[in-house]
Amino acid sequence: MTNEEIQLKADELTQREGCKVHPLVFLANGDEQVIGFVKEPMRIVKQRALDAAIQKGATVAAGDLLEAILIKDASDSRIYSEAAENDAFYLGASMACMELINISKEQFKKK
C-alpha cells in the first residue's frame, strides 16, 4: 500500500471508531509491509499504561496498551500473533503505542 492508501484507511477507521486512528507500518523480508492500526488511547488507558510501566515494567505495559488499542480486524495478524517469528512486529507495535502517550514537562524555574 502507498502512504496515501494507508492514511485513507486510517481516516476510514477514524470515522468508524469515533476516535483518531494511527497507522503502524513495519517492513518484513525487505519490502513487504506489515500494517496495523491503533486507536488513540483515552486518558484512563494512558494513565493505566503509565502506572503499569512503574509496577510491571515498560515492555509489559507497552504490550498491555497494544492489546487495549489495536484494531485487530483491520491489522495484519502478524502484529498480534503468538508465533516467535512475529515477535519483532508485536514488540515494535507495543513500543510505538507507548509513544502515543505524550507528557508535557513543567517548565517553571526558580529565580
C-alpha atoms as a PDB file:
ATOM      1  CA  MET A   1       0.000   0.000   0.000  1.00  0.00           C
ATOM      2  CA  THR A   2       1.134   3.540  -0.598  1.00  0.00           C
ATOM      3  CA  ASN A   3       1.386   6.040   2.243  1.00  0.00           C
ATOM      4  CA  GLU A   4      -1.727   7.747   0.899  1.00  0.00           C
ATOM      5  CA  GLU A   5      -3.708   4.470   0.889  1.00  0.00           C
ATOM      6  CA  ILE A   6      -2.608   3.698   4.430  1.00  0.00           C
ATOM      7  CA  GLN A   7      -3.668   7.165   5.590  1.00  0.00           C
ATOM      8  CA  LEU A   8      -7.024   6.828   3.800  1.00  0.00           C
ATOM      9  CA  LYS A   9      -7.619   3.535   5.635  1.00  0.00           C
ATOM     10  CA  ALA A  10      -6.692   5.209   8.941  1.00  0.00           C
ATOM     11  CA  ASP A  11      -9.141   8.024   8.152  1.00  0.00           C
ATOM     12  CA  GLU A  12     -11.914   5.495   7.392  1.00  0.00           C
ATOM     13  CA  LEU A  13     -11.220   3.726  10.682  1.00  0.00           C
ATOM     14  CA  THR A  14     -11.242   7.076  12.499  1.00  0.00           C
ATOM     15  CA  GLN A  15     -14.805   7.571  11.268  1.00  0.00           C
ATOM     16  CA  ARG A  16     -15.808   4.017  12.198  1.00  0.00           C
ATOM     17  CA  GLU A  17     -14.201   4.015  15.641  1.00  0.00           C
ATOM     18  CA  GLY A  18     -15.170   7.578  16.578  1.00  0.00           C
ATOM     19  CA  CYS A  19     -11.618   8.489  17.609  1.00  0.00           C
ATOM     20  CA  LYS A  20      -8.265   9.192  15.974  1.00  0.00           C
ATOM     21  CA  VAL A  21      -6.667   6.082  14.469  1.00  0.00           C
ATOM     22  CA  HIS A  22      -2.917   5.814  13.913  1.00  0.00           C
ATOM     23  CA  PRO A  23      -1.317   3.504  11.344  1.00  0.00           C
ATOM     24  CA  LEU A  24       1.727   1.398  12.216  1.00  0.00           C
ATOM     25  CA  VAL A  25       3.846   0.204   9.297  1.00  0.00           C
ATOM     26  CA  PHE A  26       6.695  -2.287   9.560  1.00  0.00           C
ATOM     27  CA  LEU A  27       8.750  -3.954   6.858  1.00  0.00           C
ATOM     28  CA  ALA A  28       9.144  -7.728   6.649  1.00  0.00           C
ATOM     29  CA  ASN A  29      11.555  -9.517   4.352  1.00  0.00           C
ATOM     30  CA  GLY A  30      12.876  -6.285   2.878  1.00  0.00           C
ATOM     31  CA  ASP A  31       9.860  -4.546   1.381  1.00  0.00           C
ATOM     32  CA  GLU A  32       6.754  -6.488   2.464  1.00  0.00           C
ATOM     33  CA  GLN A  33       4.529  -4.290   4.637  1.00  0.00           C
ATOM     34  CA  VAL A  34       3.058  -5.359   7.960  1.00  0.00           C
ATOM     35  CA  ILE A  35       0.371  -2.766   8.699  1.00  0.00           C
ATOM     36  CA  GLY A  36      -1.582  -2.257  11.883  1.00  0.00           C
ATOM     37  CA  PHE A  37      -3.995   0.345  13.152  1.00  0.00           C
ATOM     38  CA  VAL A  38      -4.402   1.553  16.738  1.00  0.00           C
ATOM     39  CA  LYS A  39      -6.963   3.822  18.337  1.00  0.00           C
ATOM     40  CA  GLU A  40      -5.824   6.942  20.146  1.00  0.00           C
ATOM     41  CA  PRO A  41      -5.954   5.787  23.772  1.00  0.00           C
ATOM     42  CA  MET A  42      -8.347   7.506  26.144  1.00  0.00           C
ATOM     43  CA  ARG A  43      -6.847   9.292  29.158  1.00  0.00           C
ATOM     44  CA  ILE A  44      -7.683   6.481  31.598  1.00  0.00           C
ATOM     45  CA  VAL A  45      -5.970   3.960  29.317  1.00  0.00           C
ATOM     46  CA  LYS A  46      -2.893   6.189  29.188  1.00  0.00           C
ATOM     47  CA  GLN A  47      -2.889   6.508  32.968  1.00  0.00           C
ATOM     48  CA  ARG A  48      -3.149   2.747  33.394  1.00  0.00           C
ATOM     49  CA  ALA A  49      -0.278   2.230  30.966  1.00  0.00           C
ATOM     50  CA  LEU A  50       1.920   4.661  32.871  1.00  0.00           C
ATOM     51  CA  ASP A  51       1.049   3.007  36.200  1.00  0.00           C
ATOM     52  CA  ALA A  52       1.747  -0.414  34.700  1.00  0.00           C
ATOM     53  CA  ALA A  53       5.126   0.817  33.438  1.00  0.00           C
ATOM     54  CA  ILE A  54       6.090   1.669  37.017  1.00  0.00           C
ATOM     55  CA  GLN A  55       4.663  -1.514  38.539  1.00  0.00           C
ATOM     56  CA  LYS A  56       5.336  -4.154  35.874  1.00  0.00           C
ATOM     57  CA  GLY A  57       7.944  -2.587  33.602  1.00  0.00           C
ATOM     58  CA  ALA A  58       7.801  -0.624  30.382  1.00  0.00           C
ATOM     59  CA  THR A  59       7.689  -3.592  27.993  1.00  0.00           C
ATOM     60  CA  VAL A  60       4.823  -5.337  29.759  1.00  0.00           C
ATOM     61  CA  ALA A  61       2.920  -2.050  29.992  1.00  0.00           C
ATOM     62  CA  ALA A  62       3.503  -1.439  26.275  1.00  0.00           C
ATOM     63  CA  GLY A  63       2.098  -4.889  25.468  1.00  0.00           C
ATOM     64  CA  ASP A  64      -0.962  -4.235  27.629  1.00  0.00           C
ATOM     65  CA  LEU A  65      -1.501  -0.922  25.867  1.00  0.00           C
ATOM     66  CA  LEU A  66      -1.239  -2.556  22.434  1.00  0.00           C
ATOM     67  CA  GLU A  67      -3.833  -5.147  23.453  1.00  0.00           C
ATOM     68  CA  ALA A  68      -6.171  -2.343  24.558  1.00  0.00           C
ATOM     69  CA  ILE A  69      -5.983  -0.173  21.450  1.00  0.00           C
ATOM     70  CA  LEU A  70      -5.121  -2.429  18.486  1.00  0.00           C
ATOM     71  CA  ILE A  71      -7.887  -2.705  15.897  1.00  0.00           C
ATOM     72  CA  LYS A  72      -7.398  -6.396  15.156  1.00  0.00           C
ATOM     73  CA  ASP A  73      -9.892  -6.715  12.303  1.00  0.00           C
ATOM     74  CA  ALA A  74      -8.020  -4.043  10.322  1.00  0.00           C
ATOM     75  CA  SER A  75      -4.471  -5.058  11.275  1.00  0.00           C
ATOM     76  CA  ASP A  76      -2.071  -7.648   9.904  1.00  0.00           C
ATOM     77  CA  SER A  77      -2.355 -10.721  12.141  1.00  0.00           C
ATOM     78  CA  ARG A  78       1.431 -10.943  12.445  1.00  0.00           C
ATOM     79  CA  ILE A  79       1.306  -7.986  14.832  1.00  0.00           C
ATOM     80  CA  TYR A  80      -0.688  -9.907  17.445  1.00  0.00           C
ATOM     81  CA  SER A  81       0.454 -13.412  16.528  1.00  0.00           C
ATOM     82  CA  GLU A  82       1.886 -15.633  19.287  1.00  0.00           C
ATOM     83  CA  ALA A  83       4.428 -17.113  16.855  1.00  0.00           C
ATOM     84  CA  ALA A  84       8.029 -16.356  17.835  1.00  0.00           C
ATOM     85  CA  GLU A  85       8.948 -15.307  14.287  1.00  0.00           C
ATOM     86  CA  ASN A  86       6.498 -12.388  14.629  1.00  0.00           C
ATOM     87  CA  ASP A  87       7.759 -11.108  17.996  1.00  0.00           C
ATOM     88  CA  ALA A  88       9.580  -8.205  16.335  1.00  0.00           C
ATOM     89  CA  PHE A  89       6.274  -6.858  14.974  1.00  0.00           C
ATOM     90  CA  TYR A  90       4.485  -7.296  18.317  1.00  0.00           C
ATOM     91  CA  LEU A  91       7.278  -5.596  20.248  1.00  0.00           C
ATOM     92  CA  GLY A  92       7.632  -2.821  17.676  1.00  0.00           C
ATOM     93  CA  ALA A  93       3.894  -2.133  17.728  1.00  0.00           C
ATOM     94  CA  SER A  94       3.890  -2.205  21.535  1.00  0.00           C
ATOM     95  CA  MET A  95       6.653   0.364  21.803  1.00  0.00           C
ATOM     96  CA  ALA A  96       5.008   2.548  19.135  1.00  0.00           C
ATOM     97  CA  CYS A  97       1.853   2.566  21.264  1.00  0.00           C
ATOM     98  CA  MET A  98       3.776   3.852  24.284  1.00  0.00           C
ATOM     99  CA  GLU A  99       4.998   6.726  22.120  1.00  0.00           C
ATOM    100  CA  LEU A 100       1.359   7.834  21.740  1.00  0.00           C
ATOM    101  CA  ILE A 101       1.466   8.910  25.377  1.00  0.00           C
ATOM    102  CA  ASN A 102       2.829  12.442  25.361  1.00  0.00           C
ATOM    103  CA  ILE A 103       3.687  14.056  28.640  1.00  0.00           C
ATOM    104  CA  SER A 104       4.240  17.783  28.943  1.00  0.00           C
ATOM    105  CA  LYS A 105       7.227  18.783  31.004  1.00  0.00           C
ATOM    106  CA  GLU A 106       6.781  21.521  33.592  1.00  0.00           C
ATOM    107  CA  GLN A 107       8.939  24.494  32.645  1.00  0.00           C
ATOM    108  CA  PHE A 108       8.854  26.623  35.828  1.00  0.00           C
ATOM    109  CA  LYS A 109      12.280  27.662  37.050  1.00  0.00           C
ATOM    110  CA  LYS A 110      13.090  29.259  40.395  1.00  0.00           C
ATOM    111  CA  LYS A 111      14.953  32.514  40.278  1.00  0.00           C
END
